[in-house]
Protein backbone atom coordinates (compact mmCIF):
# COMPACT_ATOMS: atom_id res chain seq x y z
CA MET A 1 13.65 6.78 -42.09
CA ASN A 2 16.69 6.32 -39.81
CA ARG A 3 16.71 9.98 -38.98
CA ILE A 4 13.24 10.24 -38.30
CA LYS A 5 13.45 7.30 -36.05
CA ARG A 6 16.32 8.73 -34.08
CA LYS A 7 14.61 12.05 -33.70
CA ASN A 8 11.68 10.17 -32.27
CA GLY A 9 13.86 8.21 -30.10
CA VAL A 10 15.50 11.36 -28.79
CA ALA A 11 12.11 13.19 -28.37
CA SER A 12 10.72 10.17 -26.48
CA LYS A 13 13.80 10.28 -24.14
CA ILE A 14 13.31 13.79 -23.48
CA TYR A 15 9.76 13.46 -22.74
CA ILE A 16 10.22 10.78 -20.30
CA ALA A 17 13.11 12.74 -18.56
CA LEU A 18 10.86 15.83 -18.19
CA ILE A 19 8.05 13.72 -16.53
CA MET A 20 10.61 11.94 -14.35
CA ILE A 21 11.97 15.55 -13.13
CA PHE A 22 8.24 16.75 -12.80
CA LEU A 23 7.41 13.67 -10.46
CA TYR A 24 10.67 13.43 -8.45
CA ALA A 25 11.92 17.07 -8.30
CA PRO A 26 9.62 18.01 -5.15
CA ILE A 27 10.88 14.73 -3.68
CA ALA A 28 14.68 15.54 -4.21
CA VAL A 29 14.16 19.07 -2.82
CA LEU A 30 12.52 17.70 0.29
CA ILE A 31 15.39 15.40 0.97
CA ILE A 32 18.06 18.02 0.20
CA TYR A 33 16.19 20.32 2.73
CA SER A 34 16.10 17.53 5.48
CA PHE A 35 19.80 18.18 5.67
CA ASN A 36 19.41 21.94 6.08
CA LYS A 37 20.70 23.55 9.20
CA GLY A 38 18.03 26.24 9.18
CA LYS A 39 14.34 26.13 9.51
CA THR A 40 13.38 27.97 6.40
CA THR A 41 14.04 27.27 2.78
CA VAL A 42 16.97 29.32 2.82
CA TRP A 43 20.04 26.87 2.68
CA LYS A 44 22.15 27.52 5.87
CA GLY A 45 24.59 24.55 5.55
CA PHE A 46 24.63 20.86 5.89
CA SER A 47 23.44 19.18 9.08
CA LEU A 48 21.81 16.05 10.55
CA LYS A 49 20.18 17.94 13.52
CA TRP A 50 16.65 17.41 12.04
CA TYR A 51 17.27 13.67 11.95
CA GLU A 52 18.44 13.85 15.50
CA ALA A 53 15.50 15.96 16.72
CA LEU A 54 13.04 13.46 14.79
CA PHE A 55 14.15 10.58 16.73
CA ARG A 56 13.81 12.62 19.93
CA ASP A 57 10.26 13.55 19.13
CA ASP A 58 8.02 10.99 21.22
CA ASN A 59 4.83 12.35 19.51
CA ILE A 60 6.02 11.65 16.24
CA MET A 61 7.65 8.33 17.03
CA ASN A 62 4.50 7.09 18.69
CA ALA A 63 2.51 8.15 15.66
CA LEU A 64 4.97 6.53 13.26
CA ALA A 65 4.75 3.22 15.43
CA ASN A 66 0.86 3.45 15.32
CA THR A 67 0.99 4.03 11.55
CA LEU A 68 3.42 0.95 10.89
CA ILE A 69 1.50 -1.47 13.26
CA ILE A 70 -1.88 -0.53 11.50
CA ALA A 71 -0.31 -0.77 8.00
CA VAL A 72 1.31 -4.08 8.70
CA LEU A 73 -1.63 -5.70 10.30
CA ALA A 74 -4.11 -4.44 7.93
CA SER A 75 -2.03 -5.47 4.91
CA ILE A 76 -1.77 -9.04 6.38
CA PHE A 77 -5.36 -9.54 7.43
CA ALA A 78 -6.56 -7.75 4.06
CA THR A 79 -4.17 -9.96 1.88
CA ILE A 80 -5.72 -13.29 3.60
CA LEU A 81 -9.26 -12.04 3.31
CA GLY A 82 -8.75 -10.82 -0.19
CA THR A 83 -6.97 -13.89 -1.52
CA MET A 84 -9.92 -16.04 -0.05
CA ALA A 85 -12.54 -13.71 -1.52
CA ALA A 86 -10.66 -13.81 -5.07
CA VAL A 87 -10.51 -17.44 -4.93
CA GLY A 88 -14.34 -17.68 -3.89
CA ILE A 89 -15.24 -15.19 -6.66
CA SER A 90 -13.37 -17.35 -9.30
CA ASN A 91 -15.82 -20.25 -8.46
CA PHE A 92 -18.76 -18.22 -9.91
CA ARG A 93 -19.47 -18.18 -13.53
CA GLY A 94 -21.40 -15.75 -15.76
CA LYS A 95 -23.27 -12.73 -14.60
CA LYS A 96 -22.99 -13.75 -10.88
CA ARG A 97 -19.24 -13.47 -11.04
CA MET A 98 -19.36 -10.15 -12.80
CA ILE A 99 -21.81 -8.79 -10.42
CA ILE A 100 -19.70 -9.86 -7.35
CA GLN A 101 -16.55 -8.62 -9.06
CA ASN A 102 -17.99 -5.09 -9.74
CA VAL A 103 -19.50 -4.83 -6.13
CA SER A 104 -16.01 -5.76 -4.67
CA ASN A 105 -14.54 -2.67 -6.79
CA ILE A 106 -16.99 -0.17 -5.48
CA PRO A 107 -14.71 0.72 -2.58
CA ILE A 108 -11.86 1.60 -4.90
CA ILE A 109 -13.75 3.85 -7.09
CA SER A 110 -15.79 5.60 -4.34
CA PRO A 111 -14.48 8.70 -2.60
CA ASP A 112 -12.56 8.12 0.61
CA ILE A 113 -14.77 10.71 2.60
CA VAL A 114 -17.84 8.43 1.78
CA MET A 115 -16.19 5.28 3.43
CA GLY A 116 -14.62 7.53 6.22
CA VAL A 117 -18.03 8.83 7.19
CA SER A 118 -20.00 5.78 6.72
CA LEU A 119 -17.59 3.68 8.72
CA MET A 120 -17.55 6.51 11.58
CA LEU A 121 -21.28 6.24 11.60
CA LEU A 122 -21.23 2.63 11.94
CA PHE A 123 -18.79 2.52 14.69
CA SER A 124 -20.61 5.22 16.59
CA PHE A 125 -23.92 3.22 16.43
CA LEU A 126 -22.13 0.00 17.57
CA GLY A 127 -20.12 1.92 20.23
CA VAL A 128 -23.37 2.98 21.80
CA ILE A 129 -24.80 -0.56 21.70
CA PHE A 130 -21.69 -2.23 23.11
CA GLY A 131 -20.10 0.46 24.99
CA PHE A 132 -16.82 1.04 23.12
CA GLU A 133 -14.88 4.04 21.79
CA MET A 134 -13.20 4.48 18.48
CA GLY A 135 -9.45 4.21 18.55
CA PHE A 136 -6.90 1.64 17.44
CA PHE A 137 -9.12 -1.27 16.58
CA THR A 138 -11.74 1.00 14.56
CA VAL A 139 -8.86 2.17 12.44
CA LEU A 140 -7.40 -1.32 12.01
CA ILE A 141 -10.88 -2.65 10.76
CA SER A 142 -11.38 0.49 8.62
CA HIS A 143 -8.03 -0.06 6.92
CA ILE A 144 -8.77 -3.74 6.51
CA CYS A 145 -12.03 -2.89 4.69
CA PHE A 146 -10.57 -0.45 2.12
CA CYS A 147 -7.45 -2.60 1.54
CA VAL A 148 -9.29 -5.86 0.60
CA PRO A 149 -10.45 -4.74 -2.88
CA PHE A 150 -6.96 -3.85 -3.82
CA VAL A 151 -5.79 -7.44 -3.11
CA VAL A 152 -8.66 -8.94 -5.03
CA LEU A 153 -7.91 -6.66 -7.72
CA ASN A 154 -4.33 -7.95 -7.87
CA VAL A 155 -5.03 -11.75 -7.14
CA MET A 156 -8.07 -12.32 -9.65
CA PRO A 157 -5.89 -11.76 -12.75
CA ARG A 158 -3.37 -14.55 -11.61
CA ILE A 159 -6.45 -16.86 -11.12
CA THR A 160 -7.84 -16.42 -14.59
CA LYS A 161 -4.40 -17.10 -15.90
CA MET A 162 -3.52 -20.30 -13.71
CA ASP A 163 -4.20 -23.59 -15.32
CA ARG A 164 -6.96 -25.27 -13.19
CA SER A 165 -5.84 -28.80 -14.14
CA ILE A 166 -2.63 -28.42 -11.78
CA TYR A 167 -4.88 -28.57 -8.83
CA ASP A 168 -6.50 -31.82 -9.99
CA ALA A 169 -3.10 -33.08 -10.81
CA ALA A 170 -1.89 -32.49 -7.13
CA LEU A 171 -4.76 -34.42 -5.85
CA ASP A 172 -4.03 -37.28 -8.22
CA LEU A 173 -0.36 -37.21 -7.05
CA GLY A 174 -1.52 -37.82 -3.31
CA CYS A 175 -2.17 -34.22 -2.00
CA ASN A 176 -5.09 -33.60 0.04
CA GLN A 177 -7.31 -30.68 -0.65
CA TRP A 178 -5.49 -28.29 1.73
CA GLN A 179 -2.02 -29.49 0.55
CA ALA A 180 -2.79 -28.84 -3.23
CA PHE A 181 -4.47 -25.58 -2.36
CA TYR A 182 -1.38 -24.51 -0.17
CA LYS A 183 1.65 -25.87 -2.29
CA VAL A 184 0.07 -25.43 -5.81
CA VAL A 185 -2.71 -22.90 -5.91
CA ILE A 186 -1.11 -20.40 -3.26
CA HIS A 187 2.19 -20.97 -5.11
CA GLU A 188 0.87 -19.96 -8.58
CA LEU A 189 -0.89 -16.99 -6.95
CA MET A 190 2.15 -15.64 -5.03
CA PRO A 191 3.06 -12.76 -7.25
CA GLY A 192 -0.41 -11.42 -7.19
CA ILE A 193 -0.63 -11.96 -3.33
CA VAL A 194 2.57 -10.10 -2.78
CA SER A 195 1.56 -7.39 -5.12
CA GLY A 196 -1.77 -7.00 -3.13
CA LEU A 197 0.12 -6.93 0.13
CA LEU A 198 2.45 -4.29 -0.82
CA MET A 199 -0.44 -2.16 -2.32
CA SER A 200 -2.32 -2.72 1.02
CA PHE A 201 0.57 -1.51 2.93
CA THR A 202 1.37 1.45 1.03
CA TYR A 203 -2.32 2.46 0.95
CA SER A 204 -2.63 1.94 4.68
CA LEU A 205 0.47 3.93 5.39
CA ASP A 206 -0.71 6.82 3.04
CA ASP A 207 -4.28 7.05 4.50
CA PHE A 208 -5.55 10.04 6.07
CA ILE A 209 -9.18 10.59 5.48
CA ILE A 210 -10.61 7.28 6.73
CA SER A 211 -8.02 7.40 9.69
CA TYR A 212 -9.40 10.78 10.55
CA PHE A 213 -12.95 9.83 10.75
CA THR A 214 -12.54 6.33 12.50
CA ARG A 215 -9.55 7.23 15.10
CA GLY A 216 -11.71 8.68 17.92
CA ALA A 217 -10.22 11.15 20.50
CA LYS A 218 -7.07 9.34 21.60
CA PHE A 219 -5.52 7.36 18.57
CA GLN A 220 -2.89 9.37 16.53
CA ASN A 221 -1.15 8.08 13.35
CA LEU A 222 1.49 9.96 11.26
CA SER A 223 -0.78 11.50 8.70
CA ILE A 224 -3.15 12.94 11.40
CA GLU A 225 0.05 14.06 13.42
CA ILE A 226 1.46 15.89 10.24
CA TYR A 227 -2.05 17.53 9.69
CA SER A 228 -2.11 18.65 13.19
CA MET A 229 1.20 20.49 12.44
CA THR A 230 -0.27 22.50 9.65
CA HIS A 231 -2.22 24.60 12.18
CA ARG A 232 1.26 25.65 13.44
CA ARG A 233 4.40 25.61 11.24
CA ILE A 234 5.40 22.51 9.84
CA SER A 235 8.83 21.41 11.52
CA PRO A 236 11.79 20.28 9.26
CA LYS A 237 11.61 17.11 11.16
CA ILE A 238 8.88 16.13 8.90
CA ASN A 239 11.33 16.53 5.84
CA ALA A 240 13.73 14.04 7.58
CA LEU A 241 10.83 11.62 8.22
CA SER A 242 9.50 11.79 4.62
CA ALA A 243 13.00 11.24 3.36
CA LEU A 244 13.46 7.96 5.49
CA LEU A 245 10.13 6.75 4.37
CA PHE A 246 10.77 7.42 0.69
CA LEU A 247 14.23 5.50 1.04
CA ALA A 248 12.55 2.63 2.85
CA VAL A 249 9.94 2.53 0.03
CA LEU A 250 12.60 2.65 -2.56
CA VAL A 251 14.85 -0.08 -1.01
CA ILE A 252 11.60 -2.47 -0.76
CA MET A 253 10.73 -1.73 -4.72
CA ILE A 254 14.49 -2.52 -5.68
CA ILE A 255 14.34 -5.84 -3.63
CA ILE A 256 10.91 -6.72 -5.36
CA ASN A 257 12.21 -5.95 -8.69
CA LEU A 258 15.46 -7.86 -8.26
CA ARG A 259 13.48 -10.88 -6.88
CA ASP A 260 11.00 -10.82 -9.87
CA ARG A 261 13.74 -10.66 -12.35
CA HIS A 262 15.46 -13.70 -10.60
CA GLU A 263 12.14 -15.57 -10.92
CA GLU A 264 11.95 -14.52 -14.65
CA LYS A 265 15.41 -16.02 -15.09
CA VAL A 266 14.62 -19.29 -13.18
CA ARG A 267 11.53 -19.68 -15.21
CA SER A 268 13.29 -19.01 -18.57
CA ALA A 269 16.15 -21.41 -17.67
CA ARG A 270 13.48 -24.05 -17.08
CA THR A 271 11.82 -23.68 -20.37
């Protein structure tokens, strides 16, 4: 039995290692070639020239700035609206709650192109009536729309696990309704809120289809800028940019995991 368990343990480790290699080998190759002196996939020596060229490219820097601004604003507004929506949904009971929750999940399972085209038609119709063109604000509203359901999806489980009596206890101890909600309920929902915020940020950062249909003629974000390069030859500067973005996301994930471990230790020490 021990031999069988050891063999199964070794096989599972090999299986996991192969999956990790399959997932991260392309990213590793991309990062390695971001330091390649040449433009092709032939290694011609170590160099940082593509990183220097990246920060000198005004088009990419402007597109990156637009992408980050949209992602930050969309994730913040979507987190606020999604948290409010989750709290509102939790007040319903029975079939009403199930129907509203299922409706809120429709944007998650529907194809992006459906949402992109529908929002484009909506903004085109409103643009004719109110006399505006699609651009920064239409992209921002679109990103908020498809990020809100992800926040609801992350916050709802925390609400169902939360002890409802703590809100009443806070009121009994002298808090008004706003103080009880802010200091007690929001504190209990914070892990779900942070998860929804980060998921909204990453989805907004990664989006192409919805941005493509709602951007108009003047606005340019990073995904559209990279797509426009496919008509020509993609510059190795994109390798450098992708490596920096991957590094930034990796650092954020490490910080979040360390924070979660610290919270778990604090909770276990209290109990």
